[in-house]
């Protein structure tokens, strides 16, 4: 059973927005911006992270760290989709994975060192997963927009 979604008040949304703008912003600076003490911000951030509402992480640019090839894969399966999702989720190159409805059962974003690495990943590793029946590969040519402001608008 899925847990009930967490209801965010305007102050929690404002704290999240502050951290989305700069994940290293101090609790004191956030407190000034949202009208709370540093301790109150620290407690709210802890509750939000403990509840799984958010994570504070470093986001890298794959191009700058040796992964110039990225693609979105549309994957169809003929077995239990969660079994295939577990196998793909264990692959280091898969950085985003969703079970979806529509033309594909899974959408996976992958990063690779070059075209040969992408070919090896798609053709030898993912295509050989039991139950995978087809893969459509959408190679990224240029990243135009990437945001992390979900849930605060």
C-alpha atoms as a PDB file:
ATOM      1  CA  UNK A   1       0.000   0.000   0.000  1.00  0.00           C
ATOM      2  CA  UNK A   2       1.291   3.404  -0.983  1.00  0.00           C
ATOM      3  CA  UNK A   3       1.727   5.984   1.803  1.00  0.00           C
ATOM      4  CA  UNK A   4      -0.507   9.050   1.653  1.00  0.00           C
ATOM      5  CA  UNK A   5       1.120  12.044  -0.017  1.00  0.00           C
ATOM      6  CA  UNK A   6       2.618  14.595   2.335  1.00  0.00           C
ATOM      7  CA  UNK A   7       0.751  17.916   2.353  1.00  0.00           C
ATOM      8  CA  UNK A   8       3.171  20.815   2.163  1.00  0.00           C
ATOM      9  CA  UNK A   9       2.293  24.164   3.691  1.00  0.00           C
ATOM     10  CA  UNK A  10       3.530  27.377   2.099  1.00  0.00           C
ATOM     11  CA  UNK A  11       6.513  27.625   4.469  1.00  0.00           C
ATOM     12  CA  UNK A  12       7.729  24.116   3.617  1.00  0.00           C
ATOM     13  CA  UNK A  13       7.331  24.906  -0.084  1.00  0.00           C
ATOM     14  CA  UNK A  14       9.346  28.089   0.402  1.00  0.00           C
ATOM     15  CA  UNK A  15      12.116  26.152   2.181  1.00  0.00           C
ATOM     16  CA  UNK A  16      12.223  23.604  -0.633  1.00  0.00           C
ATOM     17  CA  UNK A  17      12.348  26.410  -3.202  1.00  0.00           C
ATOM     18  CA  UNK A  18      15.293  27.978  -1.371  1.00  0.00           C
ATOM     19  CA  UNK A  19      17.160  24.661  -1.410  1.00  0.00           C
ATOM     20  CA  UNK A  20      16.296  24.038  -5.069  1.00  0.00           C
ATOM     21  CA  UNK A  21      17.922  27.374  -5.904  1.00  0.00           C
ATOM     22  CA  UNK A  22      21.014  26.568  -3.847  1.00  0.00           C
ATOM     23  CA  UNK A  23      21.329  23.291  -1.957  1.00  0.00           C
ATOM     24  CA  UNK A  24      24.202  24.745   0.084  1.00  0.00           C
ATOM     25  CA  UNK A  25      22.214  27.729   1.360  1.00  0.00           C
ATOM     26  CA  UNK A  26      22.515  27.984   5.139  1.00  0.00           C
ATOM     27  CA  UNK A  27      19.581  27.322   7.423  1.00  0.00           C
ATOM     28  CA  UNK A  28      20.019  30.845   8.782  1.00  0.00           C
ATOM     29  CA  UNK A  29      19.706  32.395   5.316  1.00  0.00           C
ATOM     30  CA  UNK A  30      16.695  30.216   4.538  1.00  0.00           C
ATOM     31  CA  UNK A  31      15.132  31.201   7.851  1.00  0.00           C
ATOM     32  CA  UNK A  32      15.462  34.899   7.022  1.00  0.00           C
ATOM     33  CA  UNK A  33      13.851  34.319   3.622  1.00  0.00           C
ATOM     34  CA  UNK A  34      10.901  32.327   4.972  1.00  0.00           C
ATOM     35  CA  UNK A  35      10.389  33.943   8.383  1.00  0.00           C
ATOM     36  CA  UNK A  36      11.608  31.138  10.656  1.00  0.00           C
ATOM     37  CA  UNK A  37      14.515  30.625  13.015  1.00  0.00           C
ATOM     38  CA  UNK A  38      17.539  28.620  11.906  1.00  0.00           C
ATOM     39  CA  UNK A  39      16.541  25.806  14.296  1.00  0.00           C
ATOM     40  CA  UNK A  40      12.987  25.694  12.930  1.00  0.00           C
ATOM     41  CA  UNK A  41      14.301  25.449   9.360  1.00  0.00           C
ATOM     42  CA  UNK A  42      16.708  22.677  10.374  1.00  0.00           C
ATOM     43  CA  UNK A  43      13.824  20.725  11.964  1.00  0.00           C
ATOM     44  CA  UNK A  44      11.577  21.154   8.915  1.00  0.00           C
ATOM     45  CA  UNK A  45      14.333  20.105   6.507  1.00  0.00           C
ATOM     46  CA  UNK A  46      14.985  17.026   8.633  1.00  0.00           C
ATOM     47  CA  UNK A  47      11.274  16.120   8.659  1.00  0.00           C
ATOM     48  CA  UNK A  48      11.043  16.606   4.872  1.00  0.00           C
ATOM     49  CA  UNK A  49      14.081  14.427   4.198  1.00  0.00           C
ATOM     50  CA  UNK A  50      13.002  11.769   6.740  1.00  0.00           C
ATOM     51  CA  UNK A  51       9.566  11.611   5.077  1.00  0.00           C
ATOM     52  CA  UNK A  52      11.182  11.114   1.663  1.00  0.00           C
ATOM     53  CA  UNK A  53       9.703  14.346   0.332  1.00  0.00           C
ATOM     54  CA  UNK A  54      13.111  15.600  -0.792  1.00  0.00           C
ATOM     55  CA  UNK A  55      16.796  14.818  -0.973  1.00  0.00           C
ATOM     56  CA  UNK A  56      19.677  17.235  -0.944  1.00  0.00           C
ATOM     57  CA  UNK A  57      22.186  16.030  -3.530  1.00  0.00           C
ATOM     58  CA  UNK A  58      24.869  17.304  -5.874  1.00  0.00           C
ATOM     59  CA  UNK A  59      23.695  17.302  -9.496  1.00  0.00           C
ATOM     60  CA  UNK A  60      26.427  16.803 -12.060  1.00  0.00           C
ATOM     61  CA  UNK A  61      26.528  17.624 -15.741  1.00  0.00           C
ATOM     62  CA  UNK A  62      27.223  14.268 -17.451  1.00  0.00           C
ATOM     63  CA  UNK A  63      29.140  16.032 -20.242  1.00  0.00           C
ATOM     64  CA  UNK A  64      31.579  17.505 -17.722  1.00  0.00           C
ATOM     65  CA  UNK A  65      32.265  14.222 -15.932  1.00  0.00           C
ATOM     66  CA  UNK A  66      33.043  11.962 -18.876  1.00  0.00           C
ATOM     67  CA  UNK A  67      29.596  10.874 -20.103  1.00  0.00           C
ATOM     68  CA  UNK A  68      28.972  12.809 -23.331  1.00  0.00           C
ATOM     69  CA  UNK A  69      26.318  10.419 -24.658  1.00  0.00           C
ATOM     70  CA  UNK A  70      22.880  10.349 -23.058  1.00  0.00           C
ATOM     71  CA  UNK A  71      19.632   8.821 -24.254  1.00  0.00           C
ATOM     72  CA  UNK A  72      16.086   8.095 -23.186  1.00  0.00           C
ATOM     73  CA  UNK A  73      15.020   4.508 -23.786  1.00  0.00           C
ATOM     74  CA  UNK A  74      11.423   3.462 -24.325  1.00  0.00           C
ATOM     75  CA  UNK A  75      11.239  -0.205 -23.327  1.00  0.00           C
ATOM     76  CA  UNK A  76       8.461  -2.755 -23.878  1.00  0.00           C
ATOM     77  CA  UNK A  77       8.332  -5.970 -21.876  1.00  0.00           C
ATOM     78  CA  UNK A  78       6.227  -9.130 -21.904  1.00  0.00           C
ATOM     79  CA  UNK A  79       6.814 -10.138 -18.279  1.00  0.00           C
ATOM     80  CA  UNK A  80       6.250  -8.517 -14.892  1.00  0.00           C
ATOM     81  CA  UNK A  81       7.439  -4.951 -15.463  1.00  0.00           C
ATOM     82  CA  UNK A  82       8.749  -4.589 -11.902  1.00  0.00           C
ATOM     83  CA  UNK A  83      11.148  -7.495 -12.409  1.00  0.00           C
ATOM     84  CA  UNK A  84      12.683  -5.787 -15.444  1.00  0.00           C
ATOM     85  CA  UNK A  85      12.675  -2.436 -13.622  1.00  0.00           C
ATOM     86  CA  UNK A  86      14.658  -3.993 -10.765  1.00  0.00           C
ATOM     87  CA  UNK A  87      17.272  -5.316 -13.216  1.00  0.00           C
ATOM     88  CA  UNK A  88      17.603  -1.973 -15.015  1.00  0.00           C
ATOM     89  CA  UNK A  89      17.657  -0.033 -11.760  1.00  0.00           C
ATOM     90  CA  UNK A  90      20.761  -1.964 -10.715  1.00  0.00           C
ATOM     91  CA  UNK A  91      22.713  -0.707 -13.757  1.00  0.00           C
ATOM     92  CA  UNK A  92      25.003   2.230 -12.975  1.00  0.00           C
ATOM     93  CA  UNK A  93      24.318   3.866 -16.346  1.00  0.00           C
ATOM     94  CA  UNK A  94      20.581   4.149 -15.655  1.00  0.00           C
ATOM     95  CA  UNK A  95      20.013   7.427 -13.839  1.00  0.00           C
ATOM     96  CA  UNK A  96      16.235   7.774 -14.223  1.00  0.00           C
ATOM     97  CA  UNK A  97      13.705   4.976 -14.492  1.00  0.00           C
ATOM     98  CA  UNK A  98       9.921   5.031 -14.492  1.00  0.00           C
ATOM     99  CA  UNK A  99       7.232   2.437 -14.976  1.00  0.00           C
ATOM    100  CA  UNK A 100       4.693   4.026 -17.262  1.00  0.00           C
ATOM    101  CA  UNK A 101       1.493   3.542 -19.242  1.00  0.00           C
ATOM    102  CA  UNK A 102       1.127   4.097 -22.949  1.00  0.00           C
ATOM    103  CA  UNK A 103       3.399   3.007 -25.753  1.00  0.00           C
ATOM    104  CA  UNK A 104       6.161   1.839 -23.418  1.00  0.00           C
ATOM    105  CA  UNK A 105       6.245  -0.087 -20.167  1.00  0.00           C
ATOM    106  CA  UNK A 106       9.428   1.608 -18.947  1.00  0.00           C
ATOM    107  CA  UNK A 107      11.282   4.816 -19.705  1.00  0.00           C
ATOM    108  CA  UNK A 108      14.953   4.855 -18.729  1.00  0.00           C
ATOM    109  CA  UNK A 109      17.446   7.664 -19.039  1.00  0.00           C
ATOM    110  CA  UNK A 110      20.982   6.420 -19.524  1.00  0.00           C
ATOM    111  CA  UNK A 111      24.410   8.031 -19.724  1.00  0.00           C
ATOM    112  CA  UNK A 112      27.380   6.553 -21.555  1.00  0.00           C
ATOM    113  CA  UNK A 113      31.018   7.356 -22.204  1.00  0.00           C
ATOM    114  CA  UNK A 114      30.580   7.186 -25.993  1.00  0.00           C
ATOM    115  CA  UNK A 115      28.528   5.544 -28.741  1.00  0.00           C
ATOM    116  CA  UNK A 116      30.281   2.188 -28.264  1.00  0.00           C
ATOM    117  CA  UNK A 117      29.390   2.223 -24.563  1.00  0.00           C
ATOM    118  CA  UNK A 118      25.768   3.113 -25.403  1.00  0.00           C
ATOM    119  CA  UNK A 119      25.615   0.293 -27.963  1.00  0.00           C
ATOM    120  CA  UNK A 120      27.016  -2.221 -25.453  1.00  0.00           C
ATOM    121  CA  UNK A 121      24.548  -1.071 -22.812  1.00  0.00           C
ATOM    122  CA  UNK A 122      21.473  -1.187 -25.052  1.00  0.00           C
ATOM    123  CA  UNK A 123      22.322  -4.139 -27.277  1.00  0.00           C
ATOM    124  CA  UNK A 124      24.087  -6.501 -24.918  1.00  0.00           C
ATOM    125  CA  UNK A 125      22.921  -5.669 -21.421  1.00  0.00           C
ATOM    126  CA  UNK A 126      19.410  -4.251 -21.589  1.00  0.00           C
ATOM    127  CA  UNK A 127      18.180  -6.165 -24.643  1.00  0.00           C
ATOM    128  CA  UNK A 128      19.366  -9.407 -22.991  1.00  0.00           C
ATOM    129  CA  UNK A 129      17.238  -8.850 -19.868  1.00  0.00           C
ATOM    130  CA  UNK A 130      14.573 -11.565 -19.774  1.00  0.00           C
ATOM    131  CA  UNK A 131      11.240 -10.149 -20.893  1.00  0.00           C
ATOM    132  CA  UNK A 132      12.522  -7.149 -22.848  1.00  0.00           C
ATOM    133  CA  UNK A 133      10.876  -7.310 -26.268  1.00  0.00           C
ATOM    134  CA  UNK A 134      11.797  -3.929 -27.763  1.00  0.00           C
ATOM    135  CA  UNK A 135      13.755  -0.764 -27.092  1.00  0.00           C
ATOM    136  CA  UNK A 136      13.356   2.607 -28.800  1.00  0.00           C
ATOM    137  CA  UNK A 137      16.443   4.739 -28.255  1.00  0.00           C
ATOM    138  CA  UNK A 138      16.135   8.521 -28.249  1.00  0.00           C
ATOM    139  CA  UNK A 139      19.695   9.921 -28.295  1.00  0.00           C
ATOM    140  CA  UNK A 140      20.031  13.371 -26.757  1.00  0.00           C
ATOM    141  CA  UNK A 141      21.575  15.943 -29.065  1.00  0.00           C
ATOM    142  CA  UNK A 142      21.420  18.936 -26.718  1.00  0.00           C
ATOM    143  CA  UNK A 143      20.007  19.567 -23.253  1.00  0.00           C
ATOM    144  CA  UNK A 144      17.759  22.633 -23.380  1.00  0.00           C
ATOM    145  CA  UNK A 145      16.079  22.591 -19.986  1.00  0.00           C
ATOM    146  CA  UNK A 146      16.547  20.698 -16.736  1.00  0.00           C
ATOM    147  CA  UNK A 147      14.750  21.837 -13.601  1.00  0.00           C
ATOM    148  CA  UNK A 148      14.149  20.462 -10.144  1.00  0.00           C
ATOM    149  CA  UNK A 149      11.290  22.645  -8.936  1.00  0.00           C
ATOM    150  CA  UNK A 150       8.544  20.022  -8.786  1.00  0.00           C
ATOM    151  CA  UNK A 151       6.014  20.358  -6.024  1.00  0.00           C
ATOM    152  CA  UNK A 152       6.621  23.996  -5.121  1.00  0.00           C
ATOM    153  CA  UNK A 153       4.678  25.871  -7.783  1.00  0.00           C
END
